Amino acid sequence: MENKFSLRSFIITALLIILFLGIVIPGGYYLYRYMSYTRVIAEFDDAEPLPPNMSVFYKGFNIGKVTKVQPHDDYTKTEVHLLFFPADLQLPKNVSARVKNYRKKFDYIDIVYPQLPSETMLKNGDRIKGKTSASVEAFINEQAENGTLDIIVDNVSAFIETLNNTTRNVGDLFKTLNNTVKENQRNINQTTRNLELTTRNLRLTTLKINKSVKQDMTEESLQNLNETTKNIKEITKSIECATGNLTQTMNQVNSITNNIDDITCTVAKTLKTRMGGMRLLFGKPEACCKKKACPCKR
């Protein structure tokens, strides 16, 4: 009996220990995880309808999720409860949460690191600024919150001051130029008059040169015209001489032709007479070589 009781007690004890370990260890682990989570609330002033259970990303990594979306007490803001998983996550308190969309597939919360991070680190229960769209007003507000707007204002102020200094320097330069012109006005006037006289003399010289050149060109042209006229006269004389020679030659040709015509007429008349051939052989042709019309042409 005692052995049976001891065995039963051992089994029950072992089961209790196993049950304890199976509950306590996972429970302790989850309790530790739960205690190490960072819970913050993102406040959206003009939030659109937000889907629940959105994932939270930081630099492309999933670091948490949205646990609850609810309105503020006076319904002027939307509160989005965020749960950050990493226990060693160190973020400045002035981070912000922006709602984004991934390739039109799903919405998510992106944690935006500020340009000028605060020295105070984000802890459990803090509230951060929520943003839904990248508008110009949101950008200006973000720059103002991060302190970047102050830097921009300082740069603009420095630029305006530099521009004012440049304007003053330009004004001083024009004053100096004006004074220089006034001091040298007499010299400038004298130089202008000298330049005017020089221009006038140059014009007169040009007119004289033009007249001289025109006169020389006229005389040369007249001389060339005279030479051309002489050449034309010589050519005309040569043509007249050639014409006279041609007339004399034609007269000689006509005389020779007349002589040949007379001889032909005489021979023809002699041949028509009785014993004409004998008369030609013995040198007694008919006398028709006088200046008469040839009877053969009748």
Protein backbone atom coordinates (compact mmCIF):
# COMPACT_ATOMS: atom_id res chain seq x y z
CA MET A 1 0.00 0.00 0.00
CA GLU A 2 2.72 2.39 0.89
CA ASN A 3 4.49 1.69 -2.38
CA LYS A 4 1.32 2.37 -4.35
CA PHE A 5 0.77 5.64 -2.46
CA SER A 6 4.32 6.71 -3.02
CA LEU A 7 4.11 6.00 -6.74
CA ARG A 8 0.83 7.88 -7.05
CA SER A 9 2.24 10.83 -5.17
CA PHE A 10 5.28 10.86 -7.41
CA ILE A 11 3.19 10.86 -10.55
CA ILE A 12 0.95 13.66 -9.29
CA THR A 13 3.94 15.67 -8.20
CA ALA A 14 5.62 15.19 -11.56
CA LEU A 15 2.49 16.22 -13.41
CA LEU A 16 2.15 19.30 -11.23
CA ILE A 17 5.75 20.20 -11.87
CA ILE A 18 5.34 19.70 -15.62
CA LEU A 19 2.12 21.72 -15.58
CA PHE A 20 3.81 24.42 -13.57
CA LEU A 21 6.74 24.56 -15.90
CA GLY A 22 4.50 24.51 -18.97
CA ILE A 23 2.52 27.44 -17.64
CA VAL A 24 5.05 29.44 -15.70
CA ILE A 25 7.92 29.40 -18.20
CA PRO A 26 5.92 30.47 -21.27
CA GLY A 27 3.91 32.80 -19.11
CA GLY A 28 7.05 34.30 -17.70
CA TYR A 29 8.50 34.66 -21.18
CA TYR A 30 5.40 36.35 -22.52
CA LEU A 31 5.18 38.43 -19.36
CA TYR A 32 8.76 39.54 -19.90
CA ARG A 33 8.03 40.33 -23.52
CA TYR A 34 4.90 42.16 -22.52
CA MET A 35 6.76 44.17 -19.96
CA SER A 36 9.53 45.00 -22.45
CA TYR A 37 7.16 46.35 -25.09
CA THR A 38 6.94 50.09 -25.56
CA ARG A 39 3.44 51.49 -25.83
CA VAL A 40 2.92 54.95 -27.25
CA ILE A 41 -0.06 56.87 -28.55
CA ALA A 42 0.06 58.71 -31.87
CA GLU A 43 -2.32 61.67 -32.03
CA PHE A 44 -3.71 62.64 -35.44
CA ASP A 45 -5.37 66.05 -35.75
CA ASP A 46 -7.06 65.40 -39.09
CA ALA A 47 -6.82 61.66 -39.47
CA GLU A 48 -8.76 59.87 -42.17
CA PRO A 49 -10.44 56.55 -41.38
CA LEU A 50 -7.59 54.28 -40.30
CA PRO A 51 -7.74 50.50 -40.60
CA PRO A 52 -7.01 48.54 -37.39
CA ASN A 53 -4.13 46.11 -36.92
CA MET A 54 -1.76 48.08 -39.15
CA SER A 55 1.92 47.21 -38.95
CA VAL A 56 4.48 49.70 -37.68
CA PHE A 57 7.74 50.12 -39.64
CA TYR A 58 10.96 51.95 -38.88
CA LYS A 59 13.61 52.27 -41.62
CA GLY A 60 11.98 49.44 -43.54
CA PHE A 61 11.74 46.98 -40.61
CA ASN A 62 8.58 45.84 -38.87
CA ILE A 63 8.94 46.90 -35.22
CA GLY A 64 5.37 46.76 -33.97
CA LYS A 65 1.69 47.00 -34.69
CA VAL A 66 -1.43 49.08 -34.05
CA THR A 67 -3.41 47.73 -31.13
CA LYS A 68 -6.31 50.19 -31.00
CA VAL A 69 -7.78 53.18 -32.83
CA GLN A 70 -10.12 55.42 -30.89
CA PRO A 71 -11.24 59.07 -30.81
CA HIS A 72 -10.09 61.57 -28.25
CA ASP A 73 -12.43 62.55 -25.44
CA ASP A 74 -13.67 65.66 -27.27
CA TYR A 75 -13.45 64.03 -30.72
CA THR A 76 -10.99 66.62 -31.92
CA LYS A 77 -8.20 64.08 -32.42
CA THR A 78 -7.74 60.45 -33.30
CA GLU A 79 -5.65 58.32 -30.96
CA VAL A 80 -3.77 55.38 -32.44
CA HIS A 81 -2.19 53.04 -29.88
CA LEU A 82 1.15 51.70 -31.06
CA LEU A 83 3.08 48.75 -29.68
CA PHE A 84 6.82 48.55 -30.29
CA PHE A 85 8.31 45.06 -29.96
CA PRO A 86 12.10 45.59 -29.57
CA ALA A 87 13.16 46.09 -25.97
CA ASP A 88 16.40 47.81 -26.99
CA LEU A 89 14.75 50.28 -29.35
CA GLN A 90 16.04 53.77 -28.57
CA LEU A 91 14.13 56.59 -30.21
CA PRO A 92 14.02 60.31 -29.42
CA LYS A 93 10.82 61.61 -27.94
CA ASN A 94 10.05 63.91 -30.88
CA VAL A 95 9.64 61.13 -33.46
CA SER A 96 6.43 61.21 -35.48
CA ALA A 97 4.12 58.60 -37.00
CA ARG A 98 3.03 58.95 -40.62
CA VAL A 99 0.38 56.87 -42.36
CA LYS A 100 1.64 55.53 -45.70
CA ASN A 101 0.51 53.10 -48.36
CA TYR A 102 2.67 50.36 -49.83
CA ARG A 103 2.07 50.08 -53.58
CA LYS A 104 -1.66 50.56 -53.05
CA LYS A 105 -1.79 47.20 -51.28
CA PHE A 106 -1.97 48.05 -47.60
CA ASP A 107 -1.57 50.95 -45.19
CA TYR A 108 1.07 51.05 -42.51
CA ILE A 109 2.54 53.37 -39.89
CA ASP A 110 6.02 54.69 -40.61
CA ILE A 111 8.07 56.09 -37.72
CA VAL A 112 9.81 59.25 -38.95
CA TYR A 113 13.11 60.13 -37.32
CA PRO A 114 13.44 63.93 -36.75
CA GLN A 115 16.21 66.00 -38.27
CA LEU A 116 16.95 67.53 -34.88
CA PRO A 117 16.36 64.73 -32.35
CA SER A 118 15.66 65.60 -28.75
CA GLU A 119 17.87 64.44 -25.93
CA THR A 120 14.93 62.83 -24.11
CA MET A 121 14.29 59.27 -25.23
CA LEU A 122 10.87 57.80 -26.00
CA LYS A 123 9.43 55.71 -23.18
CA ASN A 124 6.32 53.73 -22.41
CA GLY A 125 3.13 55.85 -22.34
CA ASP A 126 4.46 58.83 -24.31
CA ARG A 127 2.46 60.61 -27.00
CA ILE A 128 3.86 61.41 -30.42
CA LYS A 129 2.63 63.47 -33.36
CA GLY A 130 0.70 61.68 -36.08
CA LYS A 131 0.61 62.76 -39.74
CA THR A 132 -1.49 61.49 -42.58
CA SER A 133 -0.37 63.38 -45.73
CA ALA A 134 2.71 65.26 -46.89
CA SER A 135 1.09 68.66 -47.48
CA VAL A 136 2.91 71.97 -47.53
CA GLU A 137 1.38 72.94 -44.21
CA ALA A 138 2.45 69.64 -42.68
CA PHE A 139 5.96 70.12 -44.04
CA ILE A 140 6.22 73.61 -42.55
CA ASN A 141 4.84 72.40 -39.24
CA GLU A 142 7.32 69.55 -39.23
CA GLN A 143 10.20 71.91 -39.93
CA ALA A 144 8.99 74.19 -37.15
CA GLU A 145 8.73 71.30 -34.71
CA ASN A 146 12.18 69.98 -35.57
CA GLY A 147 13.77 73.41 -35.36
CA THR A 148 14.78 73.37 -39.02
CA LEU A 149 12.55 76.33 -39.74
CA ASP A 150 14.61 78.44 -37.35
CA ILE A 151 17.73 77.55 -39.31
CA ILE A 152 16.00 78.51 -42.56
CA VAL A 153 14.89 81.82 -41.04
CA ASP A 154 18.44 82.51 -39.87
CA ASN A 155 19.80 81.74 -43.35
CA VAL A 156 17.22 84.01 -44.96
CA SER A 157 18.06 86.79 -42.51
CA ALA A 158 21.77 86.41 -43.25
CA PHE A 159 21.04 86.48 -46.98
CA ILE A 160 18.95 89.66 -46.63
CA GLU A 161 21.70 91.31 -44.61
CA THR A 162 24.28 90.37 -47.23
CA LEU A 163 21.98 91.71 -49.95
CA ASN A 164 21.64 95.00 -48.06
CA ASN A 165 25.42 95.28 -47.77
CA THR A 166 25.76 94.60 -51.48
CA THR A 167 23.17 97.27 -52.27
CA ARG A 168 25.02 99.79 -50.13
CA ASN A 169 28.31 98.92 -51.84
CA VAL A 170 26.71 99.38 -55.26
CA GLY A 171 25.34 102.76 -54.15
CA ASP A 172 28.80 103.81 -52.98
CA LEU A 173 30.24 102.70 -56.31
CA PHE A 174 27.78 104.84 -58.26
CA LYS A 175 28.55 107.79 -56.00
CA THR A 176 32.27 107.35 -56.66
CA LEU A 177 31.66 107.17 -60.41
CA ASN A 178 29.52 110.31 -60.27
CA ASN A 179 32.19 112.21 -58.35
CA THR A 180 34.84 111.02 -60.80
CA VAL A 181 32.78 112.26 -63.74
CA LYS A 182 32.22 115.63 -62.07
CA GLU A 183 35.92 116.04 -61.30
CA ASN A 184 36.93 115.21 -64.88
CA GLN A 185 34.04 116.94 -66.63
CA ARG A 186 36.28 119.72 -67.95
CA ASN A 187 38.76 117.23 -69.38
CA ILE A 188 35.94 115.20 -70.87
CA ASN A 189 34.48 118.31 -72.56
CA GLN A 190 37.90 119.25 -73.94
CA THR A 191 38.42 115.73 -75.25
CA THR A 192 34.98 115.82 -76.87
CA ARG A 193 35.76 119.10 -78.63
CA ASN A 194 39.11 117.77 -79.84
CA LEU A 195 37.39 114.70 -81.16
CA GLU A 196 34.84 116.88 -82.97
CA LEU A 197 37.60 118.95 -84.61
CA THR A 198 39.45 115.80 -85.60
CA THR A 199 36.31 114.42 -87.19
CA ARG A 200 35.72 117.65 -89.11
CA ASN A 201 39.30 117.74 -90.42
CA LEU A 202 39.07 114.13 -91.43
CA ARG A 203 35.89 114.86 -93.37
CA LEU A 204 37.50 117.78 -95.23
CA THR A 205 40.54 115.66 -96.05
CA THR A 206 38.28 112.95 -97.39
CA LEU A 207 36.43 115.42 -99.62
CA LYS A 208 39.73 116.72 -101.04
CA ILE A 209 40.95 113.22 -101.71
CA ASN A 210 37.67 112.36 -103.41
CA LYS A 211 37.88 115.46 -105.64
CA SER A 212 41.49 114.72 -106.55
CA VAL A 213 40.74 111.12 -107.29
CA LYS A 214 37.69 112.07 -109.39
CA GLN A 215 39.71 114.67 -111.42
CA ASP A 216 42.54 112.22 -112.08
CA MET A 217 40.06 109.54 -113.10
CA THR A 218 38.29 112.01 -115.45
CA GLU A 219 41.53 113.06 -117.16
CA GLU A 220 42.61 109.46 -117.56
CA SER A 221 39.20 108.52 -118.99
CA LEU A 222 39.37 111.39 -121.54
CA GLN A 223 42.86 110.34 -122.59
CA ASN A 224 41.70 106.76 -123.07
CA LEU A 225 38.73 108.02 -125.10
CA ASN A 226 41.04 110.02 -127.38
CA GLU A 227 43.24 106.99 -127.94
CA THR A 228 40.18 104.90 -128.75
CA THR A 229 38.96 107.52 -131.26
CA LYS A 230 42.36 107.51 -132.99
CA ASN A 231 42.29 103.76 -133.26
CA ILE A 232 38.80 103.86 -134.77
CA LYS A 233 39.98 106.38 -137.38
CA GLU A 234 42.93 104.17 -138.33
CA ILE A 235 40.62 101.16 -138.67
CA THR A 236 38.25 103.20 -140.87
CA LYS A 237 41.14 104.25 -143.14
CA SER A 238 42.24 100.65 -143.47
CA ILE A 239 38.71 99.61 -144.42
CA GLU A 240 38.52 102.40 -147.04
CA CYS A 241 41.84 101.33 -148.54
CA ALA A 242 40.70 97.75 -148.62
CA THR A 243 37.44 98.82 -150.29
CA GLY A 244 39.30 100.84 -152.95
CA ASN A 245 41.55 97.88 -153.75
CA LEU A 246 38.51 95.63 -153.97
CA THR A 247 36.80 98.04 -156.42
CA GLN A 248 39.90 98.17 -158.62
CA THR A 249 40.15 94.39 -158.58
CA MET A 250 36.48 94.04 -159.58
CA ASN A 251 37.03 96.45 -162.49
CA GLN A 252 39.96 94.37 -163.69
CA VAL A 253 37.92 91.19 -163.43
CA ASN A 254 35.10 92.79 -165.42
CA SER A 255 37.56 93.89 -168.14
CA ILE A 256 39.00 90.40 -168.42
CA THR A 257 35.51 88.95 -168.59
CA ASN A 258 34.57 91.29 -171.42
CA ASN A 259 37.68 90.31 -173.36
CA ILE A 260 36.91 86.63 -172.96
CA ASP A 261 33.33 87.27 -174.06
CA ASP A 262 34.50 89.05 -177.22
CA ILE A 263 36.88 86.22 -178.07
CA THR A 264 34.15 83.67 -177.62
CA CYS A 265 31.74 85.58 -179.84
CA THR A 266 34.36 85.90 -182.58
CA VAL A 267 35.09 82.18 -182.54
CA ALA A 268 31.38 81.33 -182.66
CA LYS A 269 30.70 83.65 -185.62
CA THR A 270 33.67 82.36 -187.55
CA LEU A 271 32.56 78.77 -187.11
CA LYS A 272 29.10 79.60 -188.49
CA THR A 273 30.52 80.97 -191.79
CA ARG A 274 31.58 78.89 -194.78
CA MET A 275 35.02 77.47 -194.32
CA GLY A 276 34.99 78.85 -190.78
CA GLY A 277 37.28 76.19 -189.42
CA MET A 278 39.81 76.94 -192.15
CA ARG A 279 39.64 80.56 -191.38
CA LEU A 280 40.40 79.83 -187.71
CA LEU A 281 43.34 77.68 -188.74
CA PHE A 282 44.72 80.26 -191.13
CA GLY A 283 44.06 83.25 -188.88
CA LYS A 284 41.19 85.06 -190.51
CA PRO A 285 38.34 85.15 -188.03
CA GLU A 286 35.35 87.38 -188.34
CA ALA A 287 35.76 90.83 -186.97
CA CYS A 288 33.38 90.87 -184.03
CA CYS A 289 35.75 91.92 -181.33
CA LYS A 290 34.46 95.43 -181.35
CA LYS A 291 32.53 96.86 -178.47
CA LYS A 292 29.22 95.56 -179.69
CA ALA A 293 26.67 93.24 -178.30
CA CYS A 294 27.50 89.67 -179.08
CA PRO A 295 25.09 88.29 -181.73
CA CYS A 296 25.05 84.90 -179.93
CA LYS A 297 23.14 86.44 -177.07
CA ARG A 298 20.27 87.42 -179.30
